């Protein structure tokens, strides 16, 4: 799966987990909106949005003994914005399975427990530190510490009841504290069923069942054939398209996985374009124009005056920003404007 989305060449097959370092790769987001806007603006350079993928092959050492995830694996996962859990759904006698039977839903549940065990260990250590800090705390500090202690206890009890943090009902002001803990079950998650080539005729069935059983807020699921997608990703684009059409393989793994990533992270993309460069920028849904300006440069956010915005469909229909302005469809928006998917924006600022 990693090689499919990054066009990389990471080691695959049966190997000892402890001897393999994480692989890192970057995938360019294939955005047709960006290409159309660049064409209209005659941009000399196109800069796509990027997604960095970090592959930790296999489950962590000790996962089958319910010890939680620790060490380097935990450190890497905590730095990620979202997690992708790839579970085996193919049958191949030459690739042994630690449980000796193929059951992706069992493996999803097992890894869910491992992430919860890791989170509980983090919370228990935090409880100990809070209790230690209470001893010499002033009255105002005790109020803050007691509030945190109550939140930690509430989250831990939820985990013990097998409710991941992302599904727990928590106070509105708890997000900052939780973010500092970097809990795994608080992160958005998508689950990929890695099927065999023999299962391609029923891929849509596996895909639909996985989504029906596993999808929920901030969690999605899909099925694809990692081996086939890896092989197709190594081909030239034209050749890949022909083989994909012949095999009925559907959209490339890169596009599917990026869409899953954006979905669970609740991301949208806005565009900036001029003669020198057209670029795509990824932001969280609900981001304001002033905050989006800061994505480009802090000076734009600090000195924000207004944003000139044209919707992608209007720009394509009219053929130029000048025509959009003439028709009154190039809007002047203030700092509180909420940016929408595929908005084309020019920021005005003064510092």
Protein backbone atom coordinates (compact mmCIF):
# COMPACT_ATOMS: atom_id res chain seq x y z
CA UNK A 1 0.00 0.00 0.00
CA UNK A 2 2.85 2.39 0.86
CA UNK A 3 4.58 1.73 -2.46
CA UNK A 4 1.27 2.17 -4.31
CA UNK A 5 0.63 5.68 -2.96
CA UNK A 6 4.23 6.95 -3.02
CA UNK A 7 5.51 5.06 -6.08
CA UNK A 8 8.23 3.89 -3.71
CA UNK A 9 10.21 0.67 -3.39
CA UNK A 10 9.97 -0.20 0.29
CA UNK A 11 10.63 -3.83 1.21
CA UNK A 12 7.56 -6.07 1.09
CA UNK A 13 6.82 -9.68 1.96
CA UNK A 14 7.46 -11.71 5.09
CA UNK A 15 10.07 -10.23 7.39
CA UNK A 16 10.84 -9.81 11.07
CA UNK A 17 9.08 -6.68 12.29
CA UNK A 18 11.76 -5.54 14.72
CA UNK A 19 14.44 -5.33 12.02
CA UNK A 20 12.61 -2.94 9.71
CA UNK A 21 12.75 0.85 10.01
CA UNK A 22 9.75 3.00 9.07
CA UNK A 23 9.65 4.10 5.43
CA UNK A 24 8.84 7.72 4.57
CA UNK A 25 7.41 8.93 1.27
CA UNK A 26 5.60 11.93 -0.13
CA UNK A 27 2.65 11.75 -2.52
CA UNK A 28 1.56 14.63 -4.75
CA UNK A 29 -2.20 15.21 -4.60
CA UNK A 30 -3.73 14.83 -8.06
CA UNK A 31 -6.07 17.85 -8.19
CA UNK A 32 -7.90 18.51 -11.51
CA UNK A 33 -9.11 21.87 -10.16
CA UNK A 34 -5.50 23.06 -9.91
CA UNK A 35 -4.66 22.05 -13.47
CA UNK A 36 -7.67 23.87 -14.91
CA UNK A 37 -6.92 27.06 -12.96
CA UNK A 38 -3.25 26.92 -14.00
CA UNK A 39 -4.34 26.58 -17.61
CA UNK A 40 -6.58 29.65 -17.36
CA UNK A 41 -3.88 31.75 -15.67
CA UNK A 42 -1.15 30.34 -17.96
CA UNK A 43 0.89 29.63 -14.85
CA UNK A 44 4.49 28.65 -15.54
CA UNK A 45 4.76 26.49 -12.43
CA UNK A 46 2.26 24.14 -10.76
CA UNK A 47 2.70 23.23 -7.08
CA UNK A 48 0.47 20.44 -5.86
CA UNK A 49 -0.51 19.79 -2.26
CA UNK A 50 1.45 16.95 -0.66
CA UNK A 51 0.73 14.16 1.79
CA UNK A 52 3.57 12.55 3.73
CA UNK A 53 3.12 8.85 4.47
CA UNK A 54 5.13 6.97 7.10
CA UNK A 55 4.92 3.20 6.84
CA UNK A 56 5.50 1.05 9.93
CA UNK A 57 5.55 -2.49 8.47
CA UNK A 58 3.53 -5.08 10.33
CA UNK A 59 2.07 -4.78 13.83
CA UNK A 60 4.28 -3.60 16.70
CA UNK A 61 6.29 -6.11 18.68
CA UNK A 62 4.16 -7.57 21.46
CA UNK A 63 0.85 -6.57 19.85
CA UNK A 64 -0.47 -10.10 20.16
CA UNK A 65 0.16 -9.96 23.93
CA UNK A 66 -1.92 -6.81 24.55
CA UNK A 67 1.03 -4.73 25.69
CA UNK A 68 0.18 -1.64 23.68
CA UNK A 69 2.32 0.23 21.20
CA UNK A 70 5.57 1.68 22.48
CA UNK A 71 9.07 2.74 21.59
CA UNK A 72 9.84 4.18 18.17
CA UNK A 73 6.52 3.05 16.70
CA UNK A 74 4.57 5.06 19.27
CA UNK A 75 6.78 8.12 18.80
CA UNK A 76 6.24 8.06 15.02
CA UNK A 77 2.49 7.52 15.25
CA UNK A 78 2.03 10.32 17.78
CA UNK A 79 3.48 12.82 15.30
CA UNK A 80 0.99 11.92 12.57
CA UNK A 81 -2.20 13.83 11.81
CA UNK A 82 -4.15 10.66 10.96
CA UNK A 83 -3.57 6.91 11.04
CA UNK A 84 -4.13 4.34 8.30
CA UNK A 85 -4.50 0.76 9.50
CA UNK A 86 -3.78 -1.77 6.74
CA UNK A 87 -5.19 -5.19 7.57
CA UNK A 88 -4.68 -8.43 5.73
CA UNK A 89 -7.68 -9.75 3.80
CA UNK A 90 -5.82 -11.96 1.30
CA UNK A 91 -5.07 -15.67 1.51
CA UNK A 92 -1.52 -16.74 0.61
CA UNK A 93 0.07 -19.85 2.20
CA UNK A 94 3.55 -18.44 1.51
CA UNK A 95 2.87 -15.46 3.78
CA UNK A 96 2.24 -16.75 7.33
CA UNK A 97 -0.21 -15.02 9.68
CA UNK A 98 0.53 -14.78 13.40
CA UNK A 99 -3.04 -15.88 14.21
CA UNK A 100 -2.95 -18.70 11.62
CA UNK A 101 -6.32 -17.57 10.20
CA UNK A 102 -7.33 -14.60 8.06
CA UNK A 103 -9.84 -12.34 9.81
CA UNK A 104 -9.42 -8.61 9.10
CA UNK A 105 -12.19 -7.59 11.51
CA UNK A 106 -10.45 -9.42 14.35
CA UNK A 107 -7.19 -7.67 13.44
CA UNK A 108 -8.91 -4.26 13.40
CA UNK A 109 -10.28 -4.94 16.89
CA UNK A 110 -6.88 -6.12 18.12
CA UNK A 111 -5.09 -3.01 16.89
CA UNK A 112 -7.84 -0.85 18.36
CA UNK A 113 -7.14 -2.40 21.74
CA UNK A 114 -3.39 -1.91 21.33
CA UNK A 115 -3.88 1.79 20.64
CA UNK A 116 -6.19 2.05 23.65
CA UNK A 117 -3.63 0.32 25.91
CA UNK A 118 -0.99 2.81 24.79
CA UNK A 119 -3.32 5.73 25.50
CA UNK A 120 -4.18 4.41 28.96
CA UNK A 121 -0.48 4.12 29.82
CA UNK A 122 0.02 7.78 28.80
CA UNK A 123 -3.00 8.88 30.86
CA UNK A 124 -1.89 6.91 33.92
CA UNK A 125 1.51 8.61 33.83
CA UNK A 126 -0.19 11.98 33.48
CA UNK A 127 -2.42 11.24 36.49
CA UNK A 128 0.66 10.50 38.56
CA UNK A 129 2.28 13.81 37.54
CA UNK A 130 -0.91 15.76 38.30
CA UNK A 131 -1.16 14.20 41.76
CA UNK A 132 2.49 15.02 42.44
CA UNK A 133 1.98 18.64 41.31
CA UNK A 134 -1.02 19.03 43.65
CA UNK A 135 1.16 18.85 46.75
CA UNK A 136 2.86 22.21 46.35
CA UNK A 137 0.27 23.93 44.13
CA UNK A 138 -1.35 27.27 44.92
CA UNK A 139 -5.14 27.59 45.05
CA UNK A 140 -5.45 28.85 41.45
CA UNK A 141 -3.10 26.15 40.20
CA UNK A 142 -5.08 23.47 42.03
CA UNK A 143 -8.23 24.48 40.16
CA UNK A 144 -6.48 23.89 36.82
CA UNK A 145 -4.91 20.63 37.99
CA UNK A 146 -8.21 19.30 39.36
CA UNK A 147 -9.92 20.07 36.06
CA UNK A 148 -7.23 18.19 34.15
CA UNK A 149 -7.35 15.27 36.60
CA UNK A 150 -11.11 14.99 36.08
CA UNK A 151 -10.72 15.04 32.29
CA UNK A 152 -7.97 12.41 32.35
CA UNK A 153 -10.09 10.16 34.57
CA UNK A 154 -13.10 10.58 32.27
CA UNK A 155 -11.08 9.70 29.15
CA UNK A 156 -9.45 6.71 30.82
CA UNK A 157 -12.81 5.33 31.95
CA UNK A 158 -14.09 5.69 28.38
CA UNK A 159 -11.11 3.74 27.04
CA UNK A 160 -11.69 1.02 29.64
CA UNK A 161 -15.23 0.76 28.25
CA UNK A 162 -13.66 0.34 24.77
CA UNK A 163 -14.73 3.79 23.52
CA UNK A 164 -11.86 5.48 21.60
CA UNK A 165 -11.18 9.11 22.46
CA UNK A 166 -12.41 10.31 19.05
CA UNK A 167 -15.88 8.95 19.92
CA UNK A 168 -16.07 10.19 23.50
CA UNK A 169 -18.26 13.14 24.50
CA UNK A 170 -15.84 15.64 26.03
CA UNK A 171 -16.00 19.31 27.11
CA UNK A 172 -15.49 21.86 24.32
CA UNK A 173 -12.32 23.19 25.95
CA UNK A 174 -10.74 19.73 26.28
CA UNK A 175 -9.20 19.71 22.78
CA UNK A 176 -6.06 21.64 23.73
CA UNK A 177 -5.27 19.33 26.65
CA UNK A 178 -5.95 16.22 24.57
CA UNK A 179 -3.73 17.50 21.79
CA UNK A 180 -0.82 17.71 24.22
CA UNK A 181 -1.32 14.04 25.16
CA UNK A 182 -1.07 12.96 21.47
CA UNK A 183 -3.37 9.99 22.10
CA UNK A 184 -3.63 7.46 19.27
CA UNK A 185 -7.36 6.78 19.61
CA UNK A 186 -8.03 10.52 19.34
CA UNK A 187 -6.57 10.62 15.84
CA UNK A 188 -8.71 10.26 12.70
CA UNK A 189 -8.39 6.76 11.26
CA UNK A 190 -9.03 4.95 8.01
CA UNK A 191 -8.81 1.20 7.60
CA UNK A 192 -7.61 -0.47 4.40
CA UNK A 193 -8.49 -4.10 3.70
CA UNK A 194 -5.64 -5.49 1.59
CA UNK A 195 -7.31 -8.11 -0.62
CA UNK A 196 -5.74 -10.63 -3.00
CA UNK A 197 -5.89 -10.52 -6.79
CA UNK A 198 -8.33 -13.43 -6.73
CA UNK A 199 -10.78 -11.23 -4.83
CA UNK A 200 -10.85 -8.43 -7.41
CA UNK A 201 -14.22 -9.52 -8.89
CA UNK A 202 -15.86 -9.00 -5.47
CA UNK A 203 -13.76 -6.02 -4.41
CA UNK A 204 -16.78 -3.72 -4.28
CA UNK A 205 -18.56 -6.18 -1.98
CA UNK A 206 -15.65 -6.29 0.49
CA UNK A 207 -15.31 -2.51 0.23
CA UNK A 208 -19.00 -1.89 0.97
CA UNK A 209 -19.11 -4.35 3.87
CA UNK A 210 -15.98 -2.84 5.46
CA UNK A 211 -17.45 0.65 5.26
CA UNK A 212 -20.84 -0.49 6.62
CA UNK A 213 -19.26 -2.23 9.60
CA UNK A 214 -16.43 0.14 10.46
CA UNK A 215 -17.16 3.68 9.23
CA UNK A 216 -18.18 6.28 11.81
CA UNK A 217 -17.25 9.92 12.52
CA UNK A 218 -13.51 10.41 11.85
CA UNK A 219 -13.22 6.76 10.77
CA UNK A 220 -13.54 5.38 7.25
CA UNK A 221 -12.76 2.08 5.53
CA UNK A 222 -12.01 0.78 2.05
CA UNK A 223 -10.70 -2.31 0.28
CA UNK A 224 -8.05 -2.53 -2.42
CA UNK A 225 -5.40 -4.92 -3.71
CA UNK A 226 -2.04 -3.66 -2.48
CA UNK A 227 0.04 -5.97 -4.68
CA UNK A 228 -1.78 -4.98 -7.87
CA UNK A 229 -1.81 -1.27 -6.97
CA UNK A 230 1.94 -1.36 -6.27
CA UNK A 231 2.64 -2.96 -9.65
CA UNK A 232 0.40 -0.49 -11.51
CA UNK A 233 2.01 2.47 -9.72
CA UNK A 234 5.42 1.53 -11.16
CA UNK A 235 4.14 1.87 -14.74
CA UNK A 236 4.14 4.95 -16.95
CA UNK A 237 0.85 6.86 -16.56
CA UNK A 238 -0.52 5.96 -20.02
CA UNK A 239 0.36 2.29 -19.60
CA UNK A 240 -1.12 2.25 -16.10
CA UNK A 241 -4.37 3.72 -17.41
CA UNK A 242 -4.66 1.03 -20.09
CA UNK A 243 -4.00 -1.83 -17.66
CA UNK A 244 -6.35 -0.32 -15.08
CA UNK A 245 -9.15 -0.08 -17.64
CA UNK A 246 -8.49 -3.63 -18.88
CA UNK A 247 -8.54 -5.08 -15.35
CA UNK A 248 -11.44 -2.92 -14.17
CA UNK A 249 -9.23 -1.83 -11.27
CA UNK A 250 -10.98 1.52 -10.76
CA UNK A 251 -9.28 4.65 -9.49
CA UNK A 252 -5.60 4.50 -8.41
CA UNK A 253 -4.76 3.77 -4.77
CA UNK A 254 -3.07 7.18 -4.49
CA UNK A 255 -6.25 9.08 -5.34
CA UNK A 256 -8.43 6.84 -3.18
CA UNK A 257 -6.17 7.01 -0.13
CA UNK A 258 -5.64 10.76 -0.41
CA UNK A 259 -9.43 11.19 -0.55
CA UNK A 260 -9.79 9.00 2.54
CA UNK A 261 -7.07 11.04 4.28
CA UNK A 262 -8.77 14.32 3.45
CA UNK A 263 -12.14 12.91 4.50
CA UNK A 264 -11.17 11.77 8.00
CA UNK A 265 -9.08 14.92 8.54
CA UNK A 266 -11.96 17.11 7.30
CA UNK A 267 -9.71 18.96 4.84
CA UNK A 268 -10.59 21.21 1.92
CA UNK A 269 -8.33 22.76 -0.70
CA UNK A 270 -8.14 26.36 -1.88
CA UNK A 271 -6.13 27.61 -4.83
CA UNK A 272 -3.90 30.58 -5.57
CA UNK A 273 -2.92 31.31 -9.16
CA UNK A 274 -0.96 33.86 -11.14
CA UNK A 275 1.27 33.87 -14.18
CA UNK A 276 4.31 32.69 -12.26
CA UNK A 277 2.68 29.94 -10.16
CA UNK A 278 -0.53 28.05 -9.41
CA UNK A 279 -0.64 26.28 -6.06
CA UNK A 280 -3.02 24.15 -3.99
CA UNK A 281 -3.28 24.62 -0.21
CA UNK A 282 -4.94 22.16 2.19
CA UNK A 283 -6.78 23.52 5.22
CA UNK A 284 -9.29 22.23 7.77
CA UNK A 285 -12.93 22.77 6.85
CA UNK A 286 -14.23 25.87 8.63
CA UNK A 287 -10.95 27.80 8.23
CA UNK A 288 -11.46 31.55 7.78
CA UNK A 289 -9.89 33.67 5.04
CA UNK A 290 -7.46 35.28 7.48
CA UNK A 291 -6.38 31.88 8.84
CA UNK A 292 -6.00 30.54 5.28
CA UNK A 293 -3.75 33.51 4.47
CA UNK A 294 -1.51 32.40 7.34
CA UNK A 295 -1.14 29.02 5.63
CA UNK A 296 0.76 30.83 2.89
CA UNK A 297 2.77 33.20 5.11
CA UNK A 298 2.37 34.65 8.60
CA UNK A 299 2.71 38.18 7.15
CA UNK A 300 -0.43 37.67 5.07
CA UNK A 301 -2.39 36.71 8.15
CA UNK A 302 -0.96 39.51 10.29
CA UNK A 303 -1.54 42.25 7.70
CA UNK A 304 -4.73 40.80 6.20
CA UNK A 305 -6.94 43.41 4.48
CA UNK A 306 -9.33 41.30 2.41
CA UNK A 307 -9.54 38.26 0.16
CA UNK A 308 -10.62 38.36 -3.48
CA UNK A 309 -12.49 35.10 -4.02
CA UNK A 310 -13.98 33.45 -7.08
CA UNK A 311 -15.63 30.02 -7.00
CA UNK A 312 -13.93 27.43 -9.22
CA UNK A 313 -17.08 26.71 -11.26
CA UNK A 314 -17.60 30.41 -11.96
CA UNK A 315 -13.99 30.85 -13.06
CA UNK A 316 -14.16 27.88 -15.43
CA UNK A 317 -17.48 29.02 -16.87
CA UNK A 318 -16.32 32.60 -17.49
CA UNK A 319 -12.76 31.76 -18.50
CA UNK A 320 -10.82 34.41 -16.57
CA UNK A 321 -10.64 36.34 -13.30
CA UNK A 322 -11.26 39.55 -15.28
CA UNK A 323 -14.54 38.16 -16.62
CA UNK A 324 -15.51 36.99 -13.14
CA UNK A 325 -14.89 40.54 -11.88
CA UNK A 326 -16.93 42.02 -14.74
CA UNK A 327 -19.87 39.74 -13.89
CA UNK A 328 -19.66 40.58 -10.20
CA UNK A 329 -18.53 37.05 -9.25
CA UNK A 330 -15.11 38.05 -7.90
CA UNK A 331 -16.09 38.73 -4.31
CA UNK A 332 -14.28 40.86 -1.73
CA UNK A 333 -14.41 38.86 1.52
CA UNK A 334 -13.34 39.86 5.03
CA UNK A 335 -11.28 38.02 7.60
CA UNK A 336 -14.24 35.98 8.87
CA UNK A 337 -15.16 34.46 5.49
CA UNK A 338 -15.11 30.64 5.64
CA UNK A 339 -13.08 29.21 2.76
CA UNK A 340 -14.80 26.58 0.59
CA UNK A 341 -13.46 23.70 -1.48
CA UNK A 342 -11.71 24.88 -4.68
CA UNK A 343 -12.07 28.60 -3.92
CA UNK A 344 -9.57 30.58 -5.99
CA UNK A 345 -8.24 33.35 -3.75
CA UNK A 346 -5.99 36.39 -3.99
CA UNK A 347 -5.07 37.89 -0.62
CA UNK A 348 -4.51 41.61 -0.09
CA UNK A 349 -2.40 42.57 2.93
CA UNK A 350 -0.29 45.33 4.41
CA UNK A 351 2.49 44.94 7.00
